[in-house]
Amino acid sequence: NNWVQISNNVPGGNNGNWFTPFIIDPVDHNTIYVGYNKIWKSTNRGNSFENIGNFPDKLDNLAICESDNNTIVASTHNFIRITRNGGDDWEDITEGIPVGGSKIKYVSIKYNDPYTIWVAMSGYNNNGIYESTDGGQTWTNISQGLPEIPVNCVVQNKLENTFDQLYAATDYGVYIKNGIDEWTLYSNGLPNVIVRELEIYYDM
């Protein structure tokens, strides 16, 4: 019923990217994060903000772990960084991701494991999605089954507990991956269009 603009409360008049990333803390709904070339944190629903990270470029993505809200990942097209203490320290974890031939499009963190991270990549090659299970120290290409086209988003179904079930939004529809299986097309009934983002609705 009522809306209040809070972006003017961010100090310094910082401008974000065309699609400025923001996330709500999964533990405390009063806490939000906004990604410009700095990450701004508010613990009072946007009435005031504090800086918890400085970056050399405007951010494209933010992700936070549901089971550990001190773990946050931030990325641009060509680098990715992680904090495990709520922004006190940031570590560059780009090494192992082929940002020379592709660009980072999206990042996700496993809902119950802050050390498992997925990165979706653009580019007409086989660099579609990379996975880390050690907090970004090493990366594995898990693109088997995806066409060599840009991948714009990757999300996890947290209700599937027997294996990691992932969905990928690509320039040619939606794909699904069950555990160690290859990706398969999930777009029956959908037109062959670019899919930019995915959200899973949980009827809970």
Protein backbone atom coordinates (compact mmCIF):
# COMPACT_ATOMS: atom_id res chain seq x y z
CA ASN A 1 0.00 0.00 0.00
CA ASN A 2 2.86 2.37 0.78
CA TRP A 3 6.30 2.68 -0.78
CA VAL A 4 9.28 4.67 0.51
CA GLN A 5 12.39 5.43 -1.56
CA ILE A 6 15.52 4.34 0.30
CA SER A 7 18.24 4.65 -2.37
CA ASN A 8 18.72 8.31 -1.45
CA ASN A 9 19.84 7.14 1.99
CA VAL A 10 22.95 5.51 0.54
CA PRO A 11 25.91 7.85 1.29
CA GLY A 12 27.86 9.54 -1.48
CA GLY A 13 25.27 9.36 -4.25
CA ASN A 14 26.67 6.11 -5.63
CA ASN A 15 25.12 4.79 -8.81
CA GLY A 16 24.77 1.12 -9.55
CA ASN A 17 24.71 -0.86 -12.75
CA TRP A 18 21.68 -0.91 -15.04
CA PHE A 19 20.48 -3.86 -12.96
CA THR A 20 21.74 -2.96 -9.50
CA PRO A 21 22.00 -6.06 -7.29
CA PHE A 22 20.37 -6.08 -3.87
CA ILE A 23 19.55 -8.91 -1.47
CA ILE A 24 17.56 -9.31 1.70
CA ASP A 25 19.24 -11.13 4.59
CA PRO A 26 17.61 -14.59 4.89
CA VAL A 27 17.91 -14.49 8.69
CA ASP A 28 16.88 -10.89 9.38
CA HIS A 29 14.40 -9.30 6.96
CA ASN A 30 15.30 -5.83 8.25
CA THR A 31 18.82 -6.21 6.81
CA ILE A 32 19.44 -5.53 3.12
CA TYR A 33 22.56 -5.25 0.96
CA VAL A 34 22.96 -3.05 -2.12
CA GLY A 35 25.83 -3.46 -4.60
CA TYR A 36 27.28 -0.40 -6.32
CA ASN A 37 31.07 -0.10 -6.59
CA LYS A 38 30.76 -0.52 -2.83
CA ILE A 39 28.50 -2.85 -0.89
CA TRP A 40 26.15 -0.98 1.40
CA LYS A 41 24.42 -2.71 4.31
CA SER A 42 21.33 -1.53 6.13
CA THR A 43 20.01 -3.14 9.32
CA ASN A 44 16.93 -0.91 9.52
CA ARG A 45 15.20 -1.55 6.17
CA GLY A 46 17.10 1.17 4.33
CA ASN A 47 16.83 4.09 6.72
CA SER A 48 20.64 4.19 6.94
CA PHE A 49 23.54 2.32 5.35
CA GLU A 50 27.13 1.39 6.17
CA ASN A 51 29.89 0.45 3.73
CA ILE A 52 31.12 -3.16 4.08
CA GLY A 53 33.24 -3.47 0.93
CA ASN A 54 34.99 -1.47 -1.80
CA PHE A 55 35.36 -2.79 -5.35
CA PRO A 56 37.12 -1.57 -8.52
CA ASP A 57 33.94 -1.65 -10.61
CA LYS A 58 30.16 -1.61 -10.30
CA LEU A 59 28.80 -4.92 -9.11
CA ASP A 60 26.53 -7.17 -11.16
CA ASN A 61 25.63 -9.82 -8.59
CA LEU A 62 25.26 -10.44 -4.87
CA ALA A 63 24.45 -13.75 -3.19
CA ILE A 64 24.11 -14.70 0.47
CA CYS A 65 24.03 -18.15 2.08
CA GLU A 66 20.76 -18.97 3.84
CA SER A 67 22.46 -21.15 6.48
CA ASP A 68 25.34 -18.71 7.12
CA ASN A 69 24.41 -15.09 6.51
CA ASN A 70 27.99 -13.97 7.12
CA THR A 71 28.94 -15.59 3.80
CA ILE A 72 28.31 -13.23 0.88
CA VAL A 73 29.57 -13.43 -2.70
CA ALA A 74 29.89 -10.39 -4.98
CA SER A 75 30.83 -10.31 -8.65
CA THR A 76 31.25 -8.24 -11.78
CA HIS A 77 31.69 -9.61 -15.30
CA ASN A 78 35.35 -10.37 -14.65
CA PHE A 79 35.92 -11.01 -10.95
CA ILE A 80 34.26 -12.63 -7.94
CA ARG A 81 34.95 -12.07 -4.25
CA ILE A 82 33.71 -13.66 -1.04
CA THR A 83 33.42 -12.69 2.61
CA ARG A 84 32.88 -15.13 5.47
CA ASN A 85 32.62 -12.54 8.24
CA GLY A 86 29.85 -10.26 7.02
CA GLY A 87 32.09 -7.94 5.05
CA ASP A 88 35.02 -7.36 7.39
CA ASP A 89 37.33 -9.12 4.91
CA TRP A 90 36.93 -9.98 1.22
CA GLU A 91 38.87 -12.63 -0.73
CA ASP A 92 39.25 -12.74 -4.50
CA ILE A 93 38.24 -16.20 -5.76
CA THR A 94 38.31 -15.52 -9.50
CA GLU A 95 41.25 -17.81 -10.26
CA GLY A 96 40.02 -20.93 -12.05
CA ILE A 97 37.07 -19.18 -13.70
CA PRO A 98 37.74 -18.46 -17.43
CA VAL A 99 36.88 -14.74 -17.38
CA GLY A 100 39.20 -14.19 -20.33
CA GLY A 101 36.90 -16.07 -22.71
CA SER A 102 33.56 -15.62 -20.94
CA LYS A 103 31.92 -13.23 -18.51
CA ILE A 104 30.35 -13.90 -15.12
CA LYS A 105 26.59 -13.48 -15.40
CA TYR A 106 25.21 -14.83 -12.12
CA VAL A 107 26.31 -16.35 -8.79
CA SER A 108 24.48 -18.64 -6.38
CA ILE A 109 25.41 -20.18 -3.01
CA LYS A 110 24.05 -23.53 -1.86
CA TYR A 111 21.35 -22.83 0.71
CA ASN A 112 22.80 -25.13 3.41
CA ASP A 113 26.51 -25.11 2.51
CA PRO A 114 28.43 -21.80 2.36
CA TYR A 115 31.33 -23.51 0.60
CA THR A 116 29.39 -24.59 -2.51
CA ILE A 117 29.08 -21.84 -5.12
CA TRP A 118 27.77 -21.87 -8.68
CA VAL A 119 28.68 -19.33 -11.37
CA ALA A 120 26.84 -18.88 -14.68
CA MET A 121 28.95 -17.67 -17.59
CA SER A 122 28.21 -15.91 -20.85
CA GLY A 123 29.94 -16.78 -24.10
CA TYR A 124 29.47 -19.07 -27.08
CA ASN A 125 31.65 -21.86 -25.72
CA ASN A 126 31.51 -24.68 -23.18
CA ASN A 127 32.16 -22.45 -20.15
CA GLY A 128 28.47 -22.40 -19.17
CA ILE A 129 28.52 -23.13 -15.42
CA TYR A 130 31.32 -23.56 -12.90
CA GLU A 131 31.04 -25.08 -9.43
CA SER A 132 33.21 -24.78 -6.34
CA THR A 133 32.76 -27.00 -3.27
CA ASP A 134 35.60 -25.44 -1.28
CA GLY A 135 34.55 -21.82 -1.08
CA GLY A 136 36.11 -20.74 -4.36
CA GLN A 137 39.59 -22.16 -3.86
CA THR A 138 39.09 -24.45 -6.88
CA TRP A 139 36.48 -24.55 -9.68
CA THR A 140 35.06 -27.33 -11.85
CA ASN A 141 33.29 -26.94 -15.18
CA ILE A 142 29.89 -28.68 -14.86
CA SER A 143 28.51 -27.62 -18.26
CA GLN A 144 28.12 -31.10 -19.76
CA GLY A 145 24.83 -31.22 -21.65
CA LEU A 146 24.47 -27.47 -22.10
CA PRO A 147 24.69 -25.99 -25.60
CA GLU A 148 27.59 -23.62 -26.25
CA ILE A 149 25.55 -20.48 -25.63
CA PRO A 150 25.41 -17.88 -22.83
CA VAL A 151 24.07 -18.99 -19.45
CA ASN A 152 22.40 -16.12 -17.64
CA CYS A 153 21.34 -17.60 -14.30
CA VAL A 154 21.71 -20.71 -12.15
CA VAL A 155 19.52 -21.56 -9.12
CA GLN A 156 19.20 -24.51 -6.74
CA ASN A 157 16.03 -26.29 -5.68
CA LYS A 158 16.50 -26.44 -1.91
CA LEU A 159 13.63 -28.94 -1.43
CA GLU A 160 15.60 -31.68 -3.22
CA ASN A 161 17.80 -33.17 -0.48
CA THR A 162 19.13 -36.35 -2.08
CA PHE A 163 21.25 -34.50 -4.66
CA ASP A 164 21.88 -30.98 -5.93
CA GLN A 165 19.12 -30.06 -8.37
CA LEU A 166 20.00 -27.01 -10.45
CA TYR A 167 18.15 -24.97 -13.06
CA ALA A 168 19.93 -22.84 -15.65
CA ALA A 169 18.53 -19.95 -17.67
CA THR A 170 20.18 -19.72 -21.08
CA ASP A 171 19.81 -17.91 -24.39
CA TYR A 172 17.88 -20.99 -25.54
CA GLY A 173 15.48 -21.69 -22.70
CA VAL A 174 15.80 -23.49 -19.37
CA TYR A 175 17.90 -26.54 -18.48
CA ILE A 176 17.92 -28.83 -15.43
CA LYS A 177 20.71 -30.83 -13.77
CA ASN A 178 20.13 -33.61 -11.23
CA GLY A 179 23.21 -34.45 -9.18
CA ILE A 180 26.06 -35.69 -11.33
CA ASP A 181 23.82 -36.14 -14.40
CA GLU A 182 24.31 -33.94 -17.45
CA TRP A 183 22.08 -30.94 -18.08
CA THR A 184 18.89 -31.63 -20.03
CA LEU A 185 16.37 -29.29 -21.63
CA TYR A 186 13.53 -28.30 -19.29
CA SER A 187 11.67 -26.01 -21.70
CA ASN A 188 8.91 -28.24 -23.04
CA GLY A 189 6.07 -25.89 -23.91
CA LEU A 190 8.21 -22.77 -23.68
CA PRO A 191 9.32 -20.81 -26.77
CA ASN A 192 12.99 -20.78 -27.72
CA VAL A 193 13.74 -17.41 -26.16
CA ILE A 194 16.41 -15.83 -23.99
CA VAL A 195 15.76 -16.43 -20.29
CA ARG A 196 17.49 -13.87 -18.07
CA GLU A 197 16.57 -14.96 -14.55
CA LEU A 198 14.88 -17.76 -12.64
CA GLU A 199 13.06 -17.83 -9.31
CA ILE A 200 11.74 -20.97 -7.65
CA TYR A 201 8.38 -20.68 -5.93
CA TYR A 202 8.11 -22.80 -2.77
CA ASP A 203 4.53 -23.48 -1.73
CA MET A 204 5.40 -23.70 1.97
